[in-house]
């Protein structure tokens, strides 16, 4: 499977979940913050990989 597709998928899933939470006025608890932190970190790593891959 194409890894670039997976990186874009991680970014899209994170963005959609944050938009959904923002639209519903969601105030996350401690577990949700941990999940969002991990998914946010994964999306940052994916964005960095996409950026560095495009520089080649």
PDB file of N, CA and C in Angstrom:
ATOM      1  N   UNK A   1       0.842  -1.183   0.000  1.00  0.00           N
ATOM      2  CA  UNK A   1       0.000   0.000   0.000  1.00  0.00           C
ATOM      3  C   UNK A   1       0.889   1.249   0.000  1.00  0.00           C
ATOM      4  N   UNK A   2       0.425   2.281  -0.634  1.00  0.00           N
ATOM      5  CA  UNK A   2       1.171   3.518  -0.742  1.00  0.00           C
ATOM      6  C   UNK A   2       1.224   4.222   0.616  1.00  0.00           C
ATOM      7  N   UNK A   3       2.427   4.496   1.109  1.00  0.00           N
ATOM      8  CA  UNK A   3       2.547   5.122   2.430  1.00  0.00           C
ATOM      9  C   UNK A   3       2.110   6.578   2.415  1.00  0.00           C
ATOM     10  N   UNK A   4       2.265   7.256   1.283  1.00  0.00           N
ATOM     11  CA  UNK A   4       1.820   8.650   1.209  1.00  0.00           C
ATOM     12  C   UNK A   4       0.311   8.737   1.408  1.00  0.00           C
ATOM     13  N   UNK A   5      -0.430   7.773   0.875  1.00  0.00           N
ATOM     14  CA  UNK A   5      -1.878   7.720   1.082  1.00  0.00           C
ATOM     15  C   UNK A   5      -2.198   7.596   2.570  1.00  0.00           C
ATOM     16  N   UNK A   6      -1.459   6.749   3.279  1.00  0.00           N
ATOM     17  CA  UNK A   6      -1.689   6.574   4.717  1.00  0.00           C
ATOM     18  C   UNK A   6      -1.389   7.859   5.485  1.00  0.00           C
ATOM     19  N   UNK A   7      -0.365   8.584   5.082  1.00  0.00           N
ATOM     20  CA  UNK A   7      -0.032   9.836   5.759  1.00  0.00           C
ATOM     21  C   UNK A   7      -1.132  10.870   5.554  1.00  0.00           C
ATOM     22  N   UNK A   8      -1.637  10.977   4.328  1.00  0.00           N
ATOM     23  CA  UNK A   8      -2.749  11.895   4.085  1.00  0.00           C
ATOM     24  C   UNK A   8      -3.993  11.456   4.853  1.00  0.00           C
ATOM     25  N   UNK A   9      -4.218  10.163   4.947  1.00  0.00           N
ATOM     26  CA  UNK A   9      -5.372   9.646   5.677  1.00  0.00           C
ATOM     27  C   UNK A   9      -5.296  10.018   7.155  1.00  0.00           C
ATOM     28  N   UNK A  10      -4.120   9.922   7.751  1.00  0.00           N
ATOM     29  CA  UNK A  10      -3.946  10.321   9.155  1.00  0.00           C
ATOM     30  C   UNK A  10      -4.276  11.799   9.331  1.00  0.00           C
ATOM     31  N   UNK A  11      -3.803  12.637   8.421  1.00  0.00           N
ATOM     32  CA  UNK A  11      -4.086  14.067   8.505  1.00  0.00           C
ATOM     33  C   UNK A  11      -5.575  14.358   8.383  1.00  0.00           C
ATOM     34  N   UNK A  12      -6.239  13.705   7.449  1.00  0.00           N
ATOM     35  CA  UNK A  12      -7.668  13.936   7.235  1.00  0.00           C
ATOM     36  C   UNK A  12      -8.481  13.467   8.438  1.00  0.00           C
ATOM     37  N   UNK A  13      -8.167  12.303   8.973  1.00  0.00           N
ATOM     38  CA  UNK A  13      -8.902  11.793  10.132  1.00  0.00           C
ATOM     39  C   UNK A  13      -8.739  12.734  11.323  1.00  0.00           C
ATOM     40  N   UNK A  14      -7.534  13.219  11.559  1.00  0.00           N
ATOM     41  CA  UNK A  14      -7.311  14.140  12.675  1.00  0.00           C
ATOM     42  C   UNK A  14      -8.075  15.443  12.470  1.00  0.00           C
ATOM     43  N   UNK A  15      -8.021  16.002  11.263  1.00  0.00           N
ATOM     44  CA  UNK A  15      -8.703  17.267  10.994  1.00  0.00           C
ATOM     45  C   UNK A  15     -10.213  17.128  11.134  1.00  0.00           C
ATOM     46  N   UNK A  16     -10.770  16.042  10.628  1.00  0.00           N
ATOM     47  CA  UNK A  16     -12.215  15.834  10.714  1.00  0.00           C
ATOM     48  C   UNK A  16     -12.645  15.627  12.161  1.00  0.00           C
ATOM     49  N   UNK A  17     -11.869  14.881  12.930  1.00  0.00           N
ATOM     50  CA  UNK A  17     -12.235  14.660  14.330  1.00  0.00           C
ATOM     51  C   UNK A  17     -12.158  15.952  15.137  1.00  0.00           C
ATOM     52  N   UNK A  18     -11.166  16.791  14.866  1.00  0.00           N
ATOM     53  CA  UNK A  18     -11.075  18.074  15.562  1.00  0.00           C
ATOM     54  C   UNK A  18     -12.216  19.000  15.158  1.00  0.00           C
ATOM     55  N   UNK A  19     -12.583  19.014  13.886  1.00  0.00           N
ATOM     56  CA  UNK A  19     -13.702  19.832  13.429  1.00  0.00           C
ATOM     57  C   UNK A  19     -15.004  19.370  14.058  1.00  0.00           C
ATOM     58  N   UNK A  20     -15.212  18.066  14.119  1.00  0.00           N
ATOM     59  CA  UNK A  20     -16.414  17.509  14.736  1.00  0.00           C
ATOM     60  C   UNK A  20     -16.499  17.902  16.209  1.00  0.00           C
ATOM     61  N   UNK A  21     -15.383  17.774  16.921  1.00  0.00           N
ATOM     62  CA  UNK A  21     -15.360  18.133  18.341  1.00  0.00           C
ATOM     63  C   UNK A  21     -15.623  19.625  18.533  1.00  0.00           C
ATOM     64  N   UNK A  22     -15.047  20.455  17.677  1.00  0.00           N
ATOM     65  CA  UNK A  22     -15.228  21.899  17.792  1.00  0.00           C
ATOM     66  C   UNK A  22     -16.670  22.299  17.505  1.00  0.00           C
ATOM     67  N   UNK A  23     -17.279  21.704  16.484  1.00  0.00           N
ATOM     68  CA  UNK A  23     -18.657  22.045  16.130  1.00  0.00           C
ATOM     69  C   UNK A  23     -19.655  21.642  17.209  1.00  0.00           C
ATOM     70  N   UNK A  24     -19.354  20.599  17.946  1.00  0.00           N
ATOM     71  CA  UNK A  24     -20.268  20.122  18.982  1.00  0.00           C
ATOM     72  C   UNK A  24     -19.922  20.661  20.367  1.00  0.00           C
ATOM     73  N   UNK A  25     -18.990  21.583  20.459  1.00  0.00           N
ATOM     74  CA  UNK A  25     -18.627  22.184  21.730  1.00  0.00           C
ATOM     75  C   UNK A  25     -18.144  21.171  22.748  1.00  0.00           C
ATOM     76  N   UNK A  26     -17.397  20.208  22.263  1.00  0.00           N
ATOM     77  CA  UNK A  26     -16.959  19.093  23.101  1.00  0.00           C
ATOM     78  C   UNK A  26     -15.824  19.527  24.007  1.00  0.00           C
ATOM     79  N   UNK A  27     -15.946  19.214  25.299  1.00  0.00           N
ATOM     80  CA  UNK A  27     -14.875  19.477  26.253  1.00  0.00           C
ATOM     81  C   UNK A  27     -14.309  18.135  26.702  1.00  0.00           C
ATOM     82  N   UNK A  28     -13.187  17.754  26.130  1.00  0.00           N
ATOM     83  CA  UNK A  28     -12.675  16.407  26.376  1.00  0.00           C
ATOM     84  C   UNK A  28     -12.118  16.213  27.784  1.00  0.00           C
ATOM     85  N   UNK A  29     -12.190  14.988  28.257  1.00  0.00           N
ATOM     86  CA  UNK A  29     -11.598  14.615  29.537  1.00  0.00           C
ATOM     87  C   UNK A  29     -10.136  14.232  29.355  1.00  0.00           C
ATOM     88  N   UNK A  30      -9.545  13.697  30.386  1.00  0.00           N
ATOM     89  CA  UNK A  30      -8.109  13.393  30.371  1.00  0.00           C
ATOM     90  C   UNK A  30      -7.753  12.297  29.368  1.00  0.00           C
ATOM     91  N   UNK A  31      -8.587  11.261  29.267  1.00  0.00           N
ATOM     92  CA  UNK A  31      -8.308  10.179  28.312  1.00  0.00           C
ATOM     93  C   UNK A  31      -8.407  10.700  26.884  1.00  0.00           C
ATOM     94  N   UNK A  32      -9.427  11.516  26.635  1.00  0.00           N
ATOM     95  CA  UNK A  32      -9.598  12.072  25.290  1.00  0.00           C
ATOM     96  C   UNK A  32      -8.428  12.986  24.926  1.00  0.00           C
ATOM     97  N   UNK A  33      -7.913  13.744  25.901  1.00  0.00           N
ATOM     98  CA  UNK A  33      -6.756  14.594  25.611  1.00  0.00           C
ATOM     99  C   UNK A  33      -5.536  13.759  25.254  1.00  0.00           C
ATOM    100  N   UNK A  34      -5.381  12.623  25.923  1.00  0.00           N
ATOM    101  CA  UNK A  34      -4.262  11.732  25.586  1.00  0.00           C
ATOM    102  C   UNK A  34      -4.400  11.190  24.170  1.00  0.00           C
ATOM    103  N   UNK A  35      -5.621  10.790  23.813  1.00  0.00           N
ATOM    104  CA  UNK A  35      -5.865  10.273  22.460  1.00  0.00           C
ATOM    105  C   UNK A  35      -5.617  11.363  21.424  1.00  0.00           C
ATOM    106  N   UNK A  36      -6.128  12.575  21.696  1.00  0.00           N
ATOM    107  CA  UNK A  36      -5.924  13.682  20.765  1.00  0.00           C
ATOM    108  C   UNK A  36      -4.443  14.051  20.662  1.00  0.00           C
ATOM    109  N   UNK A  37      -3.718  13.959  21.756  1.00  0.00           N
ATOM    110  CA  UNK A  37      -2.286  14.264  21.718  1.00  0.00           C
ATOM    111  C   UNK A  37      -1.539  13.269  20.843  1.00  0.00           C
ATOM    112  N   UNK A  38      -1.863  11.998  20.995  1.00  0.00           N
ATOM    113  CA  UNK A  38      -1.195  10.966  20.195  1.00  0.00           C
ATOM    114  C   UNK A  38      -1.558  11.113  18.725  1.00  0.00           C
ATOM    115  N   UNK A  39      -2.857  11.338  18.433  1.00  0.00           N
ATOM    116  CA  UNK A  39      -3.255  11.484  17.029  1.00  0.00           C
ATOM    117  C   UNK A  39      -2.709  12.780  16.443  1.00  0.00           C
ATOM    118  N   UNK A  40      -2.622  13.822  17.253  1.00  0.00           N
ATOM    119  CA  UNK A  40      -2.027  15.073  16.783  1.00  0.00           C
ATOM    120  C   UNK A  40      -0.553  14.912  16.470  1.00  0.00           C
ATOM    121  N   UNK A  41       0.141  14.189  17.323  1.00  0.00           N
ATOM    122  CA  UNK A  41       1.559  13.912  17.076  1.00  0.00           C
ATOM    123  C   UNK A  41       1.733  13.079  15.812  1.00  0.00           C
ATOM    124  N   UNK A  42       0.861  12.100  15.630  1.00  0.00           N
ATOM    125  CA  UNK A  42       0.922  11.278  14.415  1.00  0.00           C
ATOM    126  C   UNK A  42       0.669  12.125  13.175  1.00  0.00           C
ATOM    127  N   UNK A  43      -0.265  13.072  13.268  1.00  0.00           N
ATOM    128  CA  UNK A  43      -0.541  13.914  12.105  1.00  0.00           C
ATOM    129  C   UNK A  43       0.622  14.861  11.819  1.00  0.00           C
ATOM    130  N   UNK A  44       1.295  15.352  12.862  1.00  0.00           N
ATOM    131  CA  UNK A  44       2.478  16.191  12.639  1.00  0.00           C
ATOM    132  C   UNK A  44       3.606  15.404  11.982  1.00  0.00           C
ATOM    133  N   UNK A  45       3.800  14.181  12.434  1.00  0.00           N
ATOM    134  CA  UNK A  45       4.825  13.328  11.830  1.00  0.00           C
ATOM    135  C   UNK A  45       4.473  13.032  10.376  1.00  0.00           C
ATOM    136  N   UNK A  46       3.188  12.754  10.122  1.00  0.00           N
ATOM    137  CA  UNK A  46       2.754  12.487   8.748  1.00  0.00           C
ATOM    138  C   UNK A  46       2.972  13.707   7.865  1.00  0.00           C
ATOM    139  N   UNK A  47       2.655  14.898   8.379  1.00  0.00           N
ATOM    140  CA  UNK A  47       2.861  16.120   7.602  1.00  0.00           C
ATOM    141  C   UNK A  47       4.345  16.338   7.318  1.00  0.00           C
ATOM    142  N   UNK A  48       5.191  16.065   8.301  1.00  0.00           N
ATOM    143  CA  UNK A  48       6.634  16.216   8.092  1.00  0.00           C
ATOM    144  C   UNK A  48       7.144  15.231   7.049  1.00  0.00           C
ATOM    145  N   UNK A  49       6.657  14.003   7.094  1.00  0.00           N
ATOM    146  CA  UNK A  49       7.081  13.003   6.113  1.00  0.00           C
ATOM    147  C   UNK A  49       6.649  13.413   4.709  1.00  0.00           C
ATOM    148  N   UNK A  50       5.410  13.905   4.584  1.00  0.00           N
ATOM    149  CA  UNK A  50       4.923  14.350   3.269  1.00  0.00           C
ATOM    150  C   UNK A  50       5.782  15.509   2.761  1.00  0.00           C
ATOM    151  N   UNK A  51       6.069  16.481   3.648  1.00  0.00           N
ATOM    152  CA  UNK A  51       6.871  17.641   3.258  1.00  0.00           C
ATOM    153  C   UNK A  51       8.275  17.227   2.826  1.00  0.00           C
ATOM    154  N   UNK A  52       8.907  16.383   3.622  1.00  0.00           N
ATOM    155  CA  UNK A  52      10.269  15.956   3.295  1.00  0.00           C
ATOM    156  C   UNK A  52      10.305  15.075   2.054  1.00  0.00           C
ATOM    157  N   UNK A  53       9.244  14.304   1.851  1.00  0.00           N
ATOM    158  CA  UNK A  53       9.170  13.442   0.674  1.00  0.00           C
ATOM    159  C   UNK A  53       9.024  14.267  -0.601  1.00  0.00           C
ATOM    160  N   UNK A  54       8.306  15.391  -0.510  1.00  0.00           N
ATOM    161  CA  UNK A  54       8.104  16.244  -1.680  1.00  0.00           C
ATOM    162  C   UNK A  54       9.351  17.046  -2.035  1.00  0.00           C
ATOM    163  N   UNK A  55      10.281  17.191  -1.109  1.00  0.00           N
ATOM    164  CA  UNK A  55      11.507  17.953  -1.363  1.00  0.00           C
ATOM    165  C   UNK A  55      12.506  17.189  -2.203  1.00  0.00           C
ATOM    166  N   UNK A  56      12.350  15.888  -2.311  1.00  0.00           N
ATOM    167  CA  UNK A  56      13.314  15.067  -3.062  1.00  0.00           C
ATOM    168  C   UNK A  56      13.282  15.375  -4.535  1.00  0.00           C
TER     169      UNK A  56
END
